[in-house]
Amino acid sequence: MDDRHSDGRFKLGKKGGPGRKPGGKSQALALVDKICGKAKNLKLLEKKLQAEFDRDPILFFKTIIIPLSPKPAPEPVEPDEVGFATMTAAESARAMDAATISSTSTVGDDIE
């Protein structure tokens, strides 16, 4: 437990949890960046990517282009749209209960 303070928190400067190897994904990406930064490797990569594209452009698009494309951020939901922003905590709880009860009722529940 050398990695922790007496209160159980991890000491500064120690990455990861106990027994976890340092580095990982960030070091691997840095290595890939270094490899791709060399002119001869970029030429080779271009040649190989062109060969894959020539072989099957649709498969190339699906397996190379789409995974590398940025994904759009989800639209944020404004609290006012939901309707709970102006309610007190008790009002919000009652509204959620009412919505849950009405969504779980079945046909004939309202017949006495």
Protein backbone atom coordinates (compact mmCIF):
# COMPACT_ATOMS: atom_id res chain seq x y z
CA MET A 1 0.00 0.00 0.00
CA ASP A 2 2.92 2.35 -0.66
CA ASP A 3 0.88 4.03 -3.42
CA ARG A 4 -1.71 5.41 -0.98
CA HIS A 5 -1.90 8.06 1.70
CA SER A 6 -2.95 7.04 5.21
CA ASP A 7 -6.56 8.04 4.37
CA GLY A 8 -6.63 5.65 1.38
CA ARG A 9 -6.26 8.20 -1.43
CA PHE A 10 -3.66 7.48 -4.12
CA LYS A 11 -0.49 9.56 -3.95
CA LEU A 12 0.05 12.18 -6.66
CA GLY A 13 2.15 11.15 -9.61
CA LYS A 14 1.02 7.53 -9.55
CA LYS A 15 -1.06 6.61 -12.59
CA GLY A 16 -3.52 3.74 -12.55
CA GLY A 17 -4.50 1.47 -9.72
CA PRO A 18 -2.43 -1.01 -7.79
CA GLY A 19 -0.94 -3.77 -9.94
CA ARG A 20 -1.72 -1.87 -13.12
CA LYS A 21 1.09 -1.39 -15.61
CA PRO A 22 1.97 2.25 -16.39
CA GLY A 23 1.35 3.62 -19.87
CA GLY A 24 -1.16 1.79 -21.94
CA LYS A 25 -3.32 3.39 -24.60
CA SER A 26 -1.73 6.85 -24.52
CA GLN A 27 1.77 5.43 -24.95
CA ALA A 28 0.60 3.17 -27.77
CA LEU A 29 -1.01 6.12 -29.57
CA ALA A 30 2.15 8.20 -29.11
CA LEU A 31 4.16 5.37 -30.67
CA VAL A 32 1.77 5.10 -33.63
CA ASP A 33 2.01 8.88 -34.08
CA LYS A 34 5.80 8.66 -34.06
CA ILE A 35 5.80 5.82 -36.61
CA CYS A 36 3.34 7.61 -38.91
CA GLY A 37 5.37 10.81 -38.66
CA LYS A 38 8.26 9.30 -40.64
CA ALA A 39 8.19 10.17 -44.35
CA LYS A 40 9.04 6.63 -45.52
CA ASN A 41 6.26 5.16 -43.38
CA LEU A 42 3.72 7.66 -44.68
CA LYS A 43 4.60 6.70 -48.26
CA LEU A 44 4.25 3.00 -47.43
CA LEU A 45 0.94 3.61 -45.63
CA GLU A 46 -0.37 5.61 -48.59
CA LYS A 47 0.59 2.79 -50.98
CA LYS A 48 -1.09 0.12 -48.83
CA LEU A 49 -4.24 2.19 -48.26
CA GLN A 50 -4.50 2.84 -52.00
CA ALA A 51 -4.23 -0.91 -52.66
CA GLU A 52 -7.03 -1.61 -50.17
CA PHE A 53 -9.18 1.12 -51.72
CA ASP A 54 -8.56 -0.24 -55.23
CA ARG A 55 -9.48 -3.77 -54.12
CA ASP A 56 -12.89 -2.81 -52.62
CA PRO A 57 -13.82 0.89 -52.22
CA ILE A 58 -17.01 0.16 -50.26
CA LEU A 59 -15.27 -2.12 -47.76
CA PHE A 60 -12.49 0.48 -47.44
CA PHE A 61 -15.08 3.15 -46.68
CA LYS A 62 -16.87 0.96 -44.11
CA THR A 63 -13.75 -0.32 -42.33
CA ILE A 64 -11.35 2.64 -42.59
CA ILE A 65 -13.18 5.91 -43.27
CA ILE A 66 -16.29 5.50 -41.09
CA PRO A 67 -14.42 4.43 -37.91
CA LEU A 68 -12.03 7.37 -38.29
CA SER A 69 -14.79 9.92 -38.92
CA PRO A 70 -15.75 12.13 -35.98
CA LYS A 71 -19.09 11.33 -34.40
CA PRO A 72 -21.57 14.18 -33.90
CA ALA A 73 -22.15 15.20 -30.32
CA PRO A 74 -25.61 14.35 -29.00
CA GLU A 75 -28.06 17.22 -28.78
CA PRO A 76 -28.20 18.53 -25.22
CA VAL A 77 -31.59 18.37 -23.54
CA GLU A 78 -32.52 21.66 -22.02
CA PRO A 79 -34.09 21.33 -18.55
CA ASP A 80 -37.00 23.54 -19.65
CA GLU A 81 -37.92 21.07 -22.41
CA VAL A 82 -38.33 18.29 -19.87
CA GLY A 83 -40.51 20.47 -17.66
CA PHE A 84 -38.83 19.77 -14.34
CA ALA A 85 -36.71 22.93 -14.23
CA THR A 86 -39.35 25.07 -12.58
CA MET A 87 -40.63 22.37 -10.20
CA THR A 88 -39.59 21.78 -6.64
CA ALA A 89 -38.04 18.41 -5.77
CA ALA A 90 -41.37 17.16 -4.38
CA GLU A 91 -43.26 18.30 -7.50
CA SER A 92 -40.70 16.61 -9.74
CA ALA A 93 -41.01 13.36 -7.77
CA ARG A 94 -44.84 13.43 -8.03
CA ALA A 95 -44.65 14.16 -11.76
CA MET A 96 -42.22 11.27 -12.31
CA ASP A 97 -44.42 8.94 -10.25
CA ALA A 98 -47.48 9.96 -12.25
CA ALA A 99 -45.64 9.44 -15.55
CA THR A 100 -44.43 6.01 -14.42
CA ILE A 101 -47.88 4.95 -13.25
CA SER A 102 -49.58 6.12 -16.46
CA SER A 103 -46.98 4.41 -18.68
CA THR A 104 -47.33 1.07 -16.86
CA SER A 105 -51.14 0.94 -16.79
CA THR A 106 -52.86 -1.57 -19.04
CA VAL A 107 -56.16 -1.51 -20.90
CA GLY A 108 -59.04 -1.77 -18.47
CA ASP A 109 -57.15 -0.43 -15.43
CA ASP A 110 -59.39 2.63 -15.37
CA ILE A 111 -62.61 0.58 -15.30
CA GLU A 112 -64.02 0.10 -11.83
